[in-house]
Amino acid sequence: MDKANNEYIIEIKELRFSYGSGEGENDKPQEVLRGIDLKIKAGEFVAVLGHNGSGKSTLAKHLNGILVPTSGKVLVDGIDTADDSKLFELRQRAGMVFQNPDNQIVSSIVEEDVAFGLENLGVPYEEMRRRVDEALKAVNMYDYRMHSPSQLSGGQKQRVAIAGIIAMRPKCIILDEPTAMLDPQGRREVMATVKKMNREYGITIVLITHYMDEAAQCGRVVVMDKGRAVMDSTPEKVFSQVEMLKKIGLDVPQVTELAWELKCEGFDISPEIITEEQCTEAILKLFS
């Protein structure tokens, strides 16, 4: 990557993607991504929001080469994701965590599962041992290292899956709706882990989600609709656009909606409220 762009770990330029080859009568190309331009800086924590069919998961799969553009370009840490010869290198730099942790767990012992990718890379035993222990401690699963994954809760399994990615030392982790199959406790555990990866290890995080409260915890929110990125700003700026979000079929955090309703009734309250603490403080100020 040239020096002018080295602050960006992800660069997406005019990305278009269609499913279907168009060769058969019933195989007409269906365009899912329609000209996306997006840049993500190293160390950012970005949420990608959108209703089902908006293209957010398809976008995620372009970030580590599971899918390649029909046209346009995706660069991750300077690597063109469409370059087959660089695929192995790409996936060491951009790890992917999927919705169902059971689909990512391959071993019958937790620590063996975390070591799986390192074994495939031929990492020496001492280094592998150190990385596995560090990764499990990072996600607060070290005490479960000798357990069978089948004994774990959904949230714990997802943290093991994240540990397996962390052990590979990626610069970026893409999480495709990692909490969709979890209960509220599991969701909290995974979000705490992801925030820690970003805050303490400086790993760039791209979180695909349909939970507004998760997106509100990120530093930046990109909203997808019909294959396009239609909004891109801080959570406060994005969620203050209540009417626009509702028009494209998305909700906002409950506290943001409450502030919006109060503002519509004539109360002097900021529309950029995204946490319960901010909401409580603003309401107390209104009535003091």
C-alpha atoms as a PDB file:
ATOM      1  CA  MET A   1       0.000   0.000   0.000  1.00  0.00           C
ATOM      2  CA  ASP A   2       1.344   3.434  -0.783  1.00  0.00           C
ATOM      3  CA  LYS A   3       2.310   5.775   2.026  1.00  0.00           C
ATOM      4  CA  ALA A   4      -0.617   8.102   1.404  1.00  0.00           C
ATOM      5  CA  ASN A   5      -3.083   5.355   2.389  1.00  0.00           C
ATOM      6  CA  ASN A   6      -1.218   3.367   5.030  1.00  0.00           C
ATOM      7  CA  GLU A   7      -3.465   4.680   7.824  1.00  0.00           C
ATOM      8  CA  TYR A   8      -6.330   2.637   6.353  1.00  0.00           C
ATOM      9  CA  ILE A   9      -6.374  -1.090   7.042  1.00  0.00           C
ATOM     10  CA  ILE A  10      -9.486  -1.570   4.861  1.00  0.00           C
ATOM     11  CA  GLU A  11     -10.143   0.240   1.589  1.00  0.00           C
ATOM     12  CA  ILE A  12     -13.244  -0.580  -0.434  1.00  0.00           C
ATOM     13  CA  LYS A  13     -13.523   1.079  -3.826  1.00  0.00           C
ATOM     14  CA  GLU A  14     -16.688   0.969  -5.973  1.00  0.00           C
ATOM     15  CA  LEU A  15     -17.468  -2.563  -4.744  1.00  0.00           C
ATOM     16  CA  ARG A  16     -20.189  -4.328  -6.666  1.00  0.00           C
ATOM     17  CA  PHE A  17     -21.190  -7.943  -6.185  1.00  0.00           C
ATOM     18  CA  SER A  18     -23.831 -10.146  -7.795  1.00  0.00           C
ATOM     19  CA  TYR A  19     -24.933 -13.681  -6.961  1.00  0.00           C
ATOM     20  CA  GLY A  20     -25.608 -15.930  -9.956  1.00  0.00           C
ATOM     21  CA  SER A  21     -23.596 -16.300 -13.129  1.00  0.00           C
ATOM     22  CA  GLY A  22     -26.286 -15.163 -15.533  1.00  0.00           C
ATOM     23  CA  GLU A  23     -25.491 -18.109 -17.792  1.00  0.00           C
ATOM     24  CA  GLY A  24     -28.729 -20.036 -17.296  1.00  0.00           C
ATOM     25  CA  GLU A  25     -32.295 -18.935 -17.900  1.00  0.00           C
ATOM     26  CA  ASN A  26     -33.097 -19.134 -14.166  1.00  0.00           C
ATOM     27  CA  ASP A  27     -29.693 -17.899 -13.047  1.00  0.00           C
ATOM     28  CA  LYS A  28     -29.982 -14.169 -13.576  1.00  0.00           C
ATOM     29  CA  PRO A  29     -27.349 -12.153 -11.680  1.00  0.00           C
ATOM     30  CA  GLN A  30     -28.768 -10.589  -8.538  1.00  0.00           C
ATOM     31  CA  GLU A  31     -26.811  -7.500  -7.548  1.00  0.00           C
ATOM     32  CA  VAL A  32     -26.398  -7.419  -3.771  1.00  0.00           C
ATOM     33  CA  LEU A  33     -23.711  -4.738  -3.336  1.00  0.00           C
ATOM     34  CA  ARG A  34     -24.125  -1.644  -5.468  1.00  0.00           C
ATOM     35  CA  GLY A  35     -21.021   0.513  -5.539  1.00  0.00           C
ATOM     36  CA  ILE A  36     -19.707   0.703  -1.972  1.00  0.00           C
ATOM     37  CA  ASP A  37     -16.864   3.062  -1.074  1.00  0.00           C
ATOM     38  CA  LEU A  38     -15.582   2.663   2.463  1.00  0.00           C
ATOM     39  CA  LYS A  39     -12.309   3.223   4.318  1.00  0.00           C
ATOM     40  CA  ILE A  40     -11.568   1.947   7.820  1.00  0.00           C
ATOM     41  CA  LYS A  41      -8.548   3.109   9.803  1.00  0.00           C
ATOM     42  CA  ALA A  42      -6.331   0.744  11.753  1.00  0.00           C
ATOM     43  CA  GLY A  43      -7.652   0.422  15.308  1.00  0.00           C
ATOM     44  CA  GLU A  44     -11.211   1.552  14.535  1.00  0.00           C
ATOM     45  CA  PHE A  45     -14.276  -0.180  15.993  1.00  0.00           C
ATOM     46  CA  VAL A  46     -16.958  -0.073  13.289  1.00  0.00           C
ATOM     47  CA  ALA A  47     -20.487  -1.463  13.373  1.00  0.00           C
ATOM     48  CA  VAL A  48     -22.262  -2.288  10.117  1.00  0.00           C
ATOM     49  CA  LEU A  49     -26.036  -2.164  10.519  1.00  0.00           C
ATOM     50  CA  GLY A  50     -28.810  -3.145   8.157  1.00  0.00           C
ATOM     51  CA  HIS A  51     -32.005  -5.162   7.934  1.00  0.00           C
ATOM     52  CA  ASN A  52     -32.022  -8.653   6.417  1.00  0.00           C
ATOM     53  CA  GLY A  53     -31.104  -8.483   2.741  1.00  0.00           C
ATOM     54  CA  SER A  54     -29.313  -5.136   3.026  1.00  0.00           C
ATOM     55  CA  GLY A  55     -25.983  -6.687   2.012  1.00  0.00           C
ATOM     56  CA  LYS A  56     -24.129  -6.375   5.329  1.00  0.00           C
ATOM     57  CA  SER A  57     -23.109 -10.051   5.618  1.00  0.00           C
ATOM     58  CA  THR A  58     -22.144 -10.134   1.938  1.00  0.00           C
ATOM     59  CA  LEU A  59     -19.905  -7.131   2.601  1.00  0.00           C
ATOM     60  CA  ALA A  60     -18.319  -8.926   5.573  1.00  0.00           C
ATOM     61  CA  LYS A  61     -17.449 -11.949   3.431  1.00  0.00           C
ATOM     62  CA  HIS A  62     -15.498  -9.673   1.062  1.00  0.00           C
ATOM     63  CA  LEU A  63     -13.162  -8.608   3.879  1.00  0.00           C
ATOM     64  CA  ASN A  64     -11.313 -11.915   4.127  1.00  0.00           C
ATOM     65  CA  GLY A  65     -11.764 -13.273   0.624  1.00  0.00           C
ATOM     66  CA  ILE A  66     -14.721 -15.621   1.136  1.00  0.00           C
ATOM     67  CA  LEU A  67     -16.318 -13.629  -1.692  1.00  0.00           C
ATOM     68  CA  VAL A  68     -14.537 -11.505  -4.305  1.00  0.00           C
ATOM     69  CA  PRO A  69     -15.941  -8.446  -6.089  1.00  0.00           C
ATOM     70  CA  THR A  70     -17.870  -8.694  -9.337  1.00  0.00           C
ATOM     71  CA  SER A  71     -16.280  -5.298  -9.954  1.00  0.00           C
ATOM     72  CA  GLY A  72     -14.376  -2.787  -7.861  1.00  0.00           C
ATOM     73  CA  LYS A  73     -11.649  -3.530  -5.352  1.00  0.00           C
ATOM     74  CA  VAL A  74     -11.213  -4.493  -1.699  1.00  0.00           C
ATOM     75  CA  LEU A  75      -7.818  -3.984  -0.054  1.00  0.00           C
ATOM     76  CA  VAL A  76      -7.073  -5.288   3.456  1.00  0.00           C
ATOM     77  CA  ASP A  77      -3.742  -4.142   4.870  1.00  0.00           C
ATOM     78  CA  GLY A  78      -2.674  -3.520   1.283  1.00  0.00           C
ATOM     79  CA  ILE A  79      -3.666  -6.994   0.054  1.00  0.00           C
ATOM     80  CA  ASP A  80      -6.097  -7.249  -2.850  1.00  0.00           C
ATOM     81  CA  THR A  81      -8.683  -9.780  -1.614  1.00  0.00           C
ATOM     82  CA  ALA A  82      -9.212 -11.029  -5.194  1.00  0.00           C
ATOM     83  CA  ASP A  83      -5.548 -12.147  -5.440  1.00  0.00           C
ATOM     84  CA  ASP A  84      -5.701 -15.941  -4.912  1.00  0.00           C
ATOM     85  CA  SER A  85      -1.956 -16.120  -4.299  1.00  0.00           C
ATOM     86  CA  LYS A  86      -2.351 -13.851  -1.232  1.00  0.00           C
ATOM     87  CA  LEU A  87      -5.397 -15.572   0.304  1.00  0.00           C
ATOM     88  CA  PHE A  88      -3.421 -17.376   3.040  1.00  0.00           C
ATOM     89  CA  GLU A  89      -1.660 -14.140   4.012  1.00  0.00           C
ATOM     90  CA  LEU A  90      -4.947 -12.219   3.917  1.00  0.00           C
ATOM     91  CA  ARG A  91      -6.657 -14.598   6.349  1.00  0.00           C
ATOM     92  CA  GLN A  92      -3.795 -14.300   8.811  1.00  0.00           C
ATOM     93  CA  ARG A  93      -4.363 -10.546   8.877  1.00  0.00           C
ATOM     94  CA  ALA A  94      -8.177 -10.537   8.784  1.00  0.00           C
ATOM     95  CA  GLY A  95      -9.866 -13.159  10.967  1.00  0.00           C
ATOM     96  CA  MET A  96     -13.560 -13.966  10.674  1.00  0.00           C
ATOM     97  CA  VAL A  97     -16.001 -14.956  13.430  1.00  0.00           C
ATOM     98  CA  PHE A  98     -19.374 -16.292  12.284  1.00  0.00           C
ATOM     99  CA  GLN A  99     -22.875 -16.354  13.736  1.00  0.00           C
ATOM    100  CA  ASN A 100     -22.861 -19.985  14.906  1.00  0.00           C
ATOM    101  CA  PRO A 101     -19.827 -20.861  17.084  1.00  0.00           C
ATOM    102  CA  ASP A 102     -20.516 -24.588  16.599  1.00  0.00           C
ATOM    103  CA  ASN A 103     -19.545 -24.178  12.944  1.00  0.00           C
ATOM    104  CA  GLN A 104     -16.082 -22.916  13.922  1.00  0.00           C
ATOM    105  CA  ILE A 105     -15.187 -25.343  16.701  1.00  0.00           C
ATOM    106  CA  VAL A 106     -13.281 -28.343  15.351  1.00  0.00           C
ATOM    107  CA  SER A 107     -11.707 -30.020  18.398  1.00  0.00           C
ATOM    108  CA  SER A 108     -13.013 -31.834  21.456  1.00  0.00           C
ATOM    109  CA  ILE A 109     -10.827 -29.853  23.902  1.00  0.00           C
ATOM    110  CA  VAL A 110     -10.944 -26.047  24.157  1.00  0.00           C
ATOM    111  CA  GLU A 111      -7.188 -25.418  24.061  1.00  0.00           C
ATOM    112  CA  GLU A 112      -6.745 -27.781  21.096  1.00  0.00           C
ATOM    113  CA  ASP A 113      -9.407 -25.860  19.218  1.00  0.00           C
ATOM    114  CA  VAL A 114      -7.626 -22.539  19.813  1.00  0.00           C
ATOM    115  CA  ALA A 115      -4.342 -24.146  18.679  1.00  0.00           C
ATOM    116  CA  PHE A 116      -5.829 -25.567  15.475  1.00  0.00           C
ATOM    117  CA  GLY A 117      -4.992 -22.643  13.188  1.00  0.00           C
ATOM    118  CA  LEU A 118      -1.493 -22.311  14.642  1.00  0.00           C
ATOM    119  CA  GLU A 119      -0.791 -25.993  14.021  1.00  0.00           C
ATOM    120  CA  ASN A 120      -1.759 -25.516  10.384  1.00  0.00           C
ATOM    121  CA  LEU A 121       0.697 -22.627  10.174  1.00  0.00           C
ATOM    122  CA  GLY A 122       3.479 -24.797  11.602  1.00  0.00           C
ATOM    123  CA  VAL A 123       4.039 -22.514  14.606  1.00  0.00           C
ATOM    124  CA  PRO A 124       6.655 -24.063  16.962  1.00  0.00           C
ATOM    125  CA  TYR A 125       5.206 -25.723  20.080  1.00  0.00           C
ATOM    126  CA  GLU A 126       6.568 -23.253  22.670  1.00  0.00           C
ATOM    127  CA  GLU A 127       5.278 -20.271  20.706  1.00  0.00           C
ATOM    128  CA  MET A 128       1.951 -22.019  20.114  1.00  0.00           C
ATOM    129  CA  ARG A 129       1.588 -22.812  23.825  1.00  0.00           C
ATOM    130  CA  ARG A 130       2.215 -19.167  24.709  1.00  0.00           C
ATOM    131  CA  ARG A 131      -0.217 -17.804  22.115  1.00  0.00           C
ATOM    132  CA  VAL A 132      -2.999 -20.240  23.082  1.00  0.00           C
ATOM    133  CA  ASP A 133      -2.678 -19.362  26.788  1.00  0.00           C
ATOM    134  CA  GLU A 134      -2.598 -15.627  26.034  1.00  0.00           C
ATOM    135  CA  ALA A 135      -5.639 -15.849  23.749  1.00  0.00           C
ATOM    136  CA  LEU A 136      -7.687 -17.829  26.285  1.00  0.00           C
ATOM    137  CA  LYS A 137      -6.769 -15.399  29.062  1.00  0.00           C
ATOM    138  CA  ALA A 138      -7.717 -12.464  26.814  1.00  0.00           C
ATOM    139  CA  VAL A 139     -11.271 -13.810  26.449  1.00  0.00           C
ATOM    140  CA  ASN A 140     -11.496 -15.003  30.096  1.00  0.00           C
ATOM    141  CA  MET A 141     -11.656 -18.678  29.092  1.00  0.00           C
ATOM    142  CA  TYR A 142      -8.284 -19.903  30.386  1.00  0.00           C
ATOM    143  CA  ASP A 143      -9.880 -21.797  33.283  1.00  0.00           C
ATOM    144  CA  TYR A 144     -11.910 -23.789  30.719  1.00  0.00           C
ATOM    145  CA  ARG A 145      -8.915 -24.777  28.570  1.00  0.00           C
ATOM    146  CA  MET A 146      -9.276 -28.524  29.290  1.00  0.00           C
ATOM    147  CA  HIS A 147     -13.081 -28.560  28.953  1.00  0.00           C
ATOM    148  CA  SER A 148     -15.005 -29.981  26.030  1.00  0.00           C
ATOM    149  CA  PRO A 149     -16.675 -27.218  23.979  1.00  0.00           C
ATOM    150  CA  SER A 150     -19.908 -29.209  24.220  1.00  0.00           C
ATOM    151  CA  GLN A 151     -19.980 -28.370  27.965  1.00  0.00           C
ATOM    152  CA  LEU A 152     -19.901 -24.616  27.313  1.00  0.00           C
ATOM    153  CA  SER A 153     -22.671 -22.061  26.930  1.00  0.00           C
ATOM    154  CA  GLY A 154     -23.232 -20.311  23.598  1.00  0.00           C
ATOM    155  CA  GLY A 155     -21.428 -17.187  24.799  1.00  0.00           C
ATOM    156  CA  GLN A 156     -18.465 -19.223  26.040  1.00  0.00           C
ATOM    157  CA  LYS A 157     -18.237 -21.111  22.734  1.00  0.00           C
ATOM    158  CA  GLN A 158     -18.223 -17.832  20.825  1.00  0.00           C
ATOM    159  CA  ARG A 159     -15.408 -16.545  23.063  1.00  0.00           C
ATOM    160  CA  VAL A 160     -13.422 -19.700  22.296  1.00  0.00           C
ATOM    161  CA  ALA A 161     -13.977 -19.060  18.580  1.00  0.00           C
ATOM    162  CA  ILE A 162     -12.696 -15.499  19.084  1.00  0.00           C
ATOM    163  CA  ALA A 163      -9.667 -16.840  20.985  1.00  0.00           C
ATOM    164  CA  GLY A 164      -8.837 -19.068  18.019  1.00  0.00           C
ATOM    165  CA  ILE A 165      -8.750 -15.972  15.808  1.00  0.00           C
ATOM    166  CA  ILE A 166      -6.763 -13.902  18.344  1.00  0.00           C
ATOM    167  CA  ALA A 167      -4.080 -16.607  18.568  1.00  0.00           C
ATOM    168  CA  MET A 168      -3.405 -16.044  14.867  1.00  0.00           C
ATOM    169  CA  ARG A 169      -2.485 -12.414  15.707  1.00  0.00           C
ATOM    170  CA  PRO A 170      -4.677 -10.727  13.087  1.00  0.00           C
ATOM    171  CA  LYS A 171      -4.697  -6.975  12.562  1.00  0.00           C
ATOM    172  CA  CYS A 172      -8.434  -7.041  11.954  1.00  0.00           C
ATOM    173  CA  ILE A 173     -11.357  -9.178  13.158  1.00  0.00           C
ATOM    174  CA  ILE A 174     -14.638  -9.278  11.236  1.00  0.00           C
ATOM    175  CA  LEU A 175     -17.590 -10.550  13.262  1.00  0.00           C
ATOM    176  CA  ASP A 176     -20.700 -11.497  11.296  1.00  0.00           C
ATOM    177  CA  GLU A 177     -23.616 -11.260  13.753  1.00  0.00           C
ATOM    178  CA  PRO A 178     -21.632 -13.103  16.460  1.00  0.00           C
ATOM    179  CA  THR A 179     -24.345 -12.683  19.115  1.00  0.00           C
ATOM    180  CA  ALA A 180     -27.416 -13.506  16.992  1.00  0.00           C
ATOM    181  CA  MET A 181     -27.777 -17.003  18.488  1.00  0.00           C
ATOM    182  CA  LEU A 182     -26.930 -16.049  22.078  1.00  0.00           C
ATOM    183  CA  ASP A 183     -28.970 -15.166  25.159  1.00  0.00           C
ATOM    184  CA  PRO A 184     -28.549 -11.680  26.728  1.00  0.00           C
ATOM    185  CA  GLN A 185     -25.763 -12.868  29.069  1.00  0.00           C
ATOM    186  CA  GLY A 186     -23.869 -14.452  26.176  1.00  0.00           C
ATOM    187  CA  ARG A 187     -24.273 -11.262  24.140  1.00  0.00           C
ATOM    188  CA  ARG A 188     -22.828  -9.171  26.985  1.00  0.00           C
ATOM    189  CA  GLU A 189     -19.868 -11.553  27.361  1.00  0.00           C
ATOM    190  CA  VAL A 190     -19.009 -11.453  23.668  1.00  0.00           C
ATOM    191  CA  MET A 191     -19.374  -7.664  23.399  1.00  0.00           C
ATOM    192  CA  ALA A 192     -17.129  -7.174  26.448  1.00  0.00           C
ATOM    193  CA  THR A 193     -14.523  -9.445  24.820  1.00  0.00           C
ATOM    194  CA  VAL A 194     -14.692  -7.655  21.472  1.00  0.00           C
ATOM    195  CA  LYS A 195     -14.339  -4.226  23.108  1.00  0.00           C
ATOM    196  CA  LYS A 196     -11.332  -5.481  25.055  1.00  0.00           C
ATOM    197  CA  MET A 197      -9.671  -6.744  21.839  1.00  0.00           C
ATOM    198  CA  ASN A 198     -10.068  -3.305  20.331  1.00  0.00           C
ATOM    199  CA  ARG A 199      -9.124  -1.278  23.409  1.00  0.00           C
ATOM    200  CA  GLU A 200      -6.201  -3.290  24.798  1.00  0.00           C
ATOM    201  CA  TYR A 201      -4.774  -4.938  21.684  1.00  0.00           C
ATOM    202  CA  GLY A 202      -5.554  -2.275  19.079  1.00  0.00           C
ATOM    203  CA  ILE A 203      -7.227  -4.825  16.790  1.00  0.00           C
ATOM    204  CA  THR A 204      -9.480  -3.268  14.165  1.00  0.00           C
ATOM    205  CA  ILE A 205     -13.024  -4.540  14.664  1.00  0.00           C
ATOM    206  CA  VAL A 206     -15.767  -4.711  12.031  1.00  0.00           C
ATOM    207  CA  LEU A 207     -18.977  -5.837  13.737  1.00  0.00           C
ATOM    208  CA  ILE A 208     -21.934  -6.856  11.568  1.00  0.00           C
ATOM    209  CA  THR A 209     -25.017  -6.660  13.762  1.00  0.00           C
ATOM    210  CA  HIS A 210     -28.736  -5.952  13.845  1.00  0.00           C
ATOM    211  CA  TYR A 211     -28.712  -5.042  17.552  1.00  0.00           C
ATOM    212  CA  MET A 212     -28.858  -1.267  18.026  1.00  0.00           C
ATOM    213  CA  ASP A 213     -27.436  -1.400  21.553  1.00  0.00           C
ATOM    214  CA  GLU A 214     -24.335  -3.212  20.224  1.00  0.00           C
ATOM    215  CA  ALA A 215     -23.829  -0.662  17.464  1.00  0.00           C
ATOM    216  CA  ALA A 216     -24.170   2.132  20.027  1.00  0.00           C
ATOM    217  CA  GLN A 217     -21.057   0.774  21.804  1.00  0.00           C
ATOM    218  CA  CYS A 218     -18.879   1.162  18.687  1.00  0.00           C
ATOM    219  CA  GLY A 219     -16.923   4.220  17.620  1.00  0.00           C
ATOM    220  CA  ARG A 220     -18.509   4.411  14.170  1.00  0.00           C
ATOM    221  CA  VAL A 221     -21.689   3.109  12.539  1.00  0.00           C
ATOM    222  CA  VAL A 222     -22.206   2.341   8.855  1.00  0.00           C
ATOM    223  CA  VAL A 223     -25.829   1.737   7.810  1.00  0.00           C
ATOM    224  CA  MET A 224     -26.537  -0.475   4.779  1.00  0.00           C
ATOM    225  CA  ASP A 225     -29.723  -0.397   2.732  1.00  0.00           C
ATOM    226  CA  LYS A 226     -30.381  -2.171  -0.583  1.00  0.00           C
ATOM    227  CA  GLY A 227     -26.702  -2.878  -1.159  1.00  0.00           C
ATOM    228  CA  ARG A 228     -25.478   0.645  -0.470  1.00  0.00           C
ATOM    229  CA  ALA A 229     -23.877   2.401   2.504  1.00  0.00           C
ATOM    230  CA  VAL A 230     -26.456   5.128   3.206  1.00  0.00           C
ATOM    231  CA  MET A 231     -25.139   6.498   6.523  1.00  0.00           C
ATOM    232  CA  ASP A 232     -21.661   6.604   8.051  1.00  0.00           C
ATOM    233  CA  SER A 233     -20.866   8.535  11.224  1.00  0.00           C
ATOM    234  CA  THR A 234     -20.652   8.277  15.016  1.00  0.00           C
ATOM    235  CA  PRO A 235     -23.444   6.353  16.807  1.00  0.00           C
ATOM    236  CA  GLU A 236     -24.757   9.660  18.188  1.00  0.00           C
ATOM    237  CA  LYS A 237     -25.067  11.235  14.720  1.00  0.00           C
ATOM    238  CA  VAL A 238     -26.491   8.103  13.060  1.00  0.00           C
ATOM    239  CA  PHE A 239     -29.085   7.276  15.718  1.00  0.00           C
ATOM    240  CA  SER A 240     -30.275  10.895  15.945  1.00  0.00           C
ATOM    241  CA  GLN A 241     -31.687  10.353  12.397  1.00  0.00           C
ATOM    242  CA  VAL A 242     -34.666   8.443  13.840  1.00  0.00           C
ATOM    243  CA  GLU A 243     -37.098   9.052  10.996  1.00  0.00           C
ATOM    244  CA  MET A 244     -34.628   8.069   8.281  1.00  0.00           C
ATOM    245  CA  LEU A 245     -33.681   4.862  10.115  1.00  0.00           C
ATOM    246  CA  LYS A 246     -37.329   3.918  10.617  1.00  0.00           C
ATOM    247  CA  LYS A 247     -37.984   4.568   6.919  1.00  0.00           C
ATOM    248  CA  ILE A 248     -35.396   1.912   5.969  1.00  0.00           C
ATOM    249  CA  GLY A 249     -36.757  -0.543   8.525  1.00  0.00           C
ATOM    250  CA  LEU A 250     -34.359  -0.086  11.439  1.00  0.00           C
ATOM    251  CA  ASP A 251     -34.957   0.792  15.076  1.00  0.00           C
ATOM    252  CA  VAL A 252     -32.840   2.980  17.323  1.00  0.00           C
ATOM    253  CA  PRO A 253     -31.756   2.361  20.938  1.00  0.00           C
ATOM    254  CA  GLN A 254     -34.757   2.755  23.266  1.00  0.00           C
ATOM    255  CA  VAL A 255     -33.224   5.714  25.088  1.00  0.00           C
ATOM    256  CA  THR A 256     -32.636   7.488  21.755  1.00  0.00           C
ATOM    257  CA  GLU A 257     -36.276   6.938  20.805  1.00  0.00           C
ATOM    258  CA  LEU A 258     -37.429   8.300  24.163  1.00  0.00           C
ATOM    259  CA  ALA A 259     -35.306  11.449  23.672  1.00  0.00           C
ATOM    260  CA  TRP A 260     -36.688  11.819  20.134  1.00  0.00           C
ATOM    261  CA  GLU A 261     -40.300  11.485  21.374  1.00  0.00           C
ATOM    262  CA  LEU A 262     -39.656  14.123  24.052  1.00  0.00           C
ATOM    263  CA  LYS A 263     -38.110  16.454  21.479  1.00  0.00           C
ATOM    264  CA  CYS A 264     -41.134  15.970  19.205  1.00  0.00           C
ATOM    265  CA  GLU A 265     -43.315  17.045  22.159  1.00  0.00           C
ATOM    266  CA  GLY A 266     -41.349  20.282  22.433  1.00  0.00           C
ATOM    267  CA  PHE A 267     -38.889  19.436  25.211  1.00  0.00           C
ATOM    268  CA  ASP A 268     -35.378  20.869  24.939  1.00  0.00           C
ATOM    269  CA  ILE A 269     -33.401  17.613  24.851  1.00  0.00           C
ATOM    270  CA  SER A 270     -30.510  16.441  22.688  1.00  0.00           C
ATOM    271  CA  PRO A 271     -31.410  13.949  19.947  1.00  0.00           C
ATOM    272  CA  GLU A 272     -27.911  12.449  20.232  1.00  0.00           C
ATOM    273  CA  ILE A 273     -28.550  10.355  23.358  1.00  0.00           C
ATOM    274  CA  ILE A 274     -27.472   6.717  23.087  1.00  0.00           C
ATOM    275  CA  THR A 275     -26.921   5.525  26.679  1.00  0.00           C
ATOM    276  CA  GLU A 276     -29.181   5.174  29.733  1.00  0.00           C
ATOM    277  CA  GLU A 277     -26.827   7.408  31.715  1.00  0.00           C
ATOM    278  CA  GLN A 278     -27.080  10.218  29.142  1.00  0.00           C
ATOM    279  CA  CYS A 279     -30.859   9.860  29.072  1.00  0.00           C
ATOM    280  CA  THR A 280     -31.211   9.930  32.869  1.00  0.00           C
ATOM    281  CA  GLU A 281     -28.992  13.008  33.123  1.00  0.00           C
ATOM    282  CA  ALA A 282     -30.908  14.841  30.359  1.00  0.00           C
ATOM    283  CA  ILE A 283     -34.342  14.084  31.880  1.00  0.00           C
ATOM    284  CA  LEU A 284     -33.206  15.145  35.359  1.00  0.00           C
ATOM    285  CA  LYS A 285     -31.939  18.392  33.838  1.00  0.00           C
ATOM    286  CA  LEU A 286     -35.317  18.953  32.127  1.00  0.00           C
ATOM    287  CA  PHE A 287     -37.259  18.671  35.362  1.00  0.00           C
ATOM    288  CA  SER A 288     -34.808  20.226  37.813  1.00  0.00           C
END
